[in-house]
Amino acid sequence: MSEPFVPIEELAKQFTVSVSTVRAWVRQGHIPKDTYLKIGNTYRFNVPAVIAALSGTPKAESEVPKVEDPKAPVQLELVFTDPNEDM
């Protein structure tokens, strides 16, 4: 494993959002299950995998995109659709 898994607080700082927002993203499926580990009530996230999932970047089986500076905040644009709107 080349990238460490970080706690939910660290992921929230990375995206400059609250911890409750990250939890909502997990509940809503915006952060896929294969990008984090959950043991009891503790989450640990693979930051490059979460970035790839939220940005829509496809990843190869064994390849996760590298982050230039893992401490630098990442700006993502999330597009949410209206559940009452016809597709």
Protein backbone atom coordinates (compact mmCIF):
# COMPACT_ATOMS: atom_id res chain seq x y z
CA MET A 1 0.00 0.00 0.00
CA SER A 2 1.71 3.16 -1.18
CA GLU A 3 -0.75 5.75 0.19
CA PRO A 4 -1.78 5.82 3.84
CA PHE A 5 -5.38 5.95 4.88
CA VAL A 6 -6.32 9.14 6.74
CA PRO A 7 -9.05 9.85 9.32
CA ILE A 8 -12.29 11.57 8.35
CA GLU A 9 -11.13 14.86 9.88
CA GLU A 10 -8.09 14.91 7.58
CA LEU A 11 -10.26 14.23 4.54
CA ALA A 12 -12.63 17.04 5.54
CA LYS A 13 -9.65 19.43 5.78
CA GLN A 14 -8.43 18.25 2.37
CA PHE A 15 -11.74 19.29 0.79
CA THR A 16 -12.34 22.24 3.15
CA VAL A 17 -15.71 20.88 4.24
CA SER A 18 -17.09 19.73 7.58
CA VAL A 19 -16.86 16.18 8.88
CA SER A 20 -20.64 15.93 8.65
CA THR A 21 -20.42 16.76 4.92
CA VAL A 22 -17.96 13.91 4.39
CA ARG A 23 -20.29 11.58 6.30
CA ALA A 24 -23.18 12.72 4.09
CA TRP A 25 -21.11 12.02 0.96
CA VAL A 26 -20.45 8.50 2.29
CA ARG A 27 -24.15 7.92 3.08
CA GLN A 28 -25.24 9.25 -0.32
CA GLY A 29 -22.69 7.08 -2.16
CA HIS A 30 -20.63 9.98 -3.55
CA ILE A 31 -17.60 8.42 -1.84
CA PRO A 32 -17.51 4.75 -2.93
CA LYS A 33 -16.94 1.95 -0.43
CA ASP A 34 -13.71 0.89 -2.12
CA THR A 35 -12.07 4.22 -1.19
CA TYR A 36 -12.31 3.84 2.58
CA LEU A 37 -12.14 1.39 5.45
CA LYS A 38 -14.71 1.40 8.24
CA ILE A 39 -14.04 -0.39 11.50
CA GLY A 40 -16.78 0.20 14.06
CA ASN A 41 -17.52 3.92 13.84
CA THR A 42 -14.02 4.81 12.60
CA TYR A 43 -13.40 5.70 8.97
CA ARG A 44 -10.03 5.82 7.18
CA PHE A 45 -9.92 7.20 3.63
CA ASN A 46 -7.52 6.73 0.72
CA VAL A 47 -7.28 10.39 -0.36
CA PRO A 48 -6.17 9.83 -4.00
CA ALA A 49 -8.94 7.27 -4.50
CA VAL A 50 -11.56 9.63 -3.02
CA ILE A 51 -10.33 12.49 -5.23
CA ALA A 52 -10.55 10.23 -8.29
CA ALA A 53 -14.06 9.09 -7.34
CA LEU A 54 -15.38 12.60 -6.67
CA SER A 55 -13.81 14.10 -9.77
CA GLY A 56 -15.02 11.30 -12.03
CA THR A 57 -11.48 10.33 -13.00
CA PRO A 58 -11.41 6.67 -14.04
CA LYS A 59 -8.81 4.56 -12.26
CA ALA A 60 -7.06 1.42 -13.44
CA GLU A 61 -7.30 -1.76 -11.36
CA SER A 62 -4.03 -1.22 -9.52
CA GLU A 63 -3.43 2.45 -10.29
CA VAL A 64 -4.67 5.36 -8.22
CA PRO A 65 -3.85 8.87 -9.45
CA LYS A 66 -1.05 10.54 -7.50
CA VAL A 67 -1.66 13.82 -5.73
CA GLU A 68 1.01 16.48 -6.29
CA ASP A 69 0.94 17.68 -2.68
CA PRO A 70 -1.19 15.48 -0.41
CA LYS A 71 -1.49 18.32 2.12
CA ALA A 72 -2.80 20.86 -0.41
CA PRO A 73 -6.60 21.43 -0.41
CA VAL A 74 -8.46 20.13 -3.43
CA GLN A 75 -11.30 22.05 -5.10
CA LEU A 76 -13.94 19.81 -6.67
CA GLU A 77 -17.20 20.66 -8.35
CA LEU A 78 -20.01 18.29 -7.39
CA VAL A 79 -23.15 18.31 -9.50
CA PHE A 80 -26.30 17.19 -7.74
CA THR A 81 -29.48 16.51 -9.63
CA ASP A 82 -32.99 17.30 -8.46
CA PRO A 83 -34.63 13.98 -7.48
CA ASN A 84 -38.01 15.39 -8.59
CA GLU A 85 -36.74 16.26 -12.05
CA ASP A 86 -37.32 13.83 -14.93
CA MET A 87 -34.17 12.44 -16.48
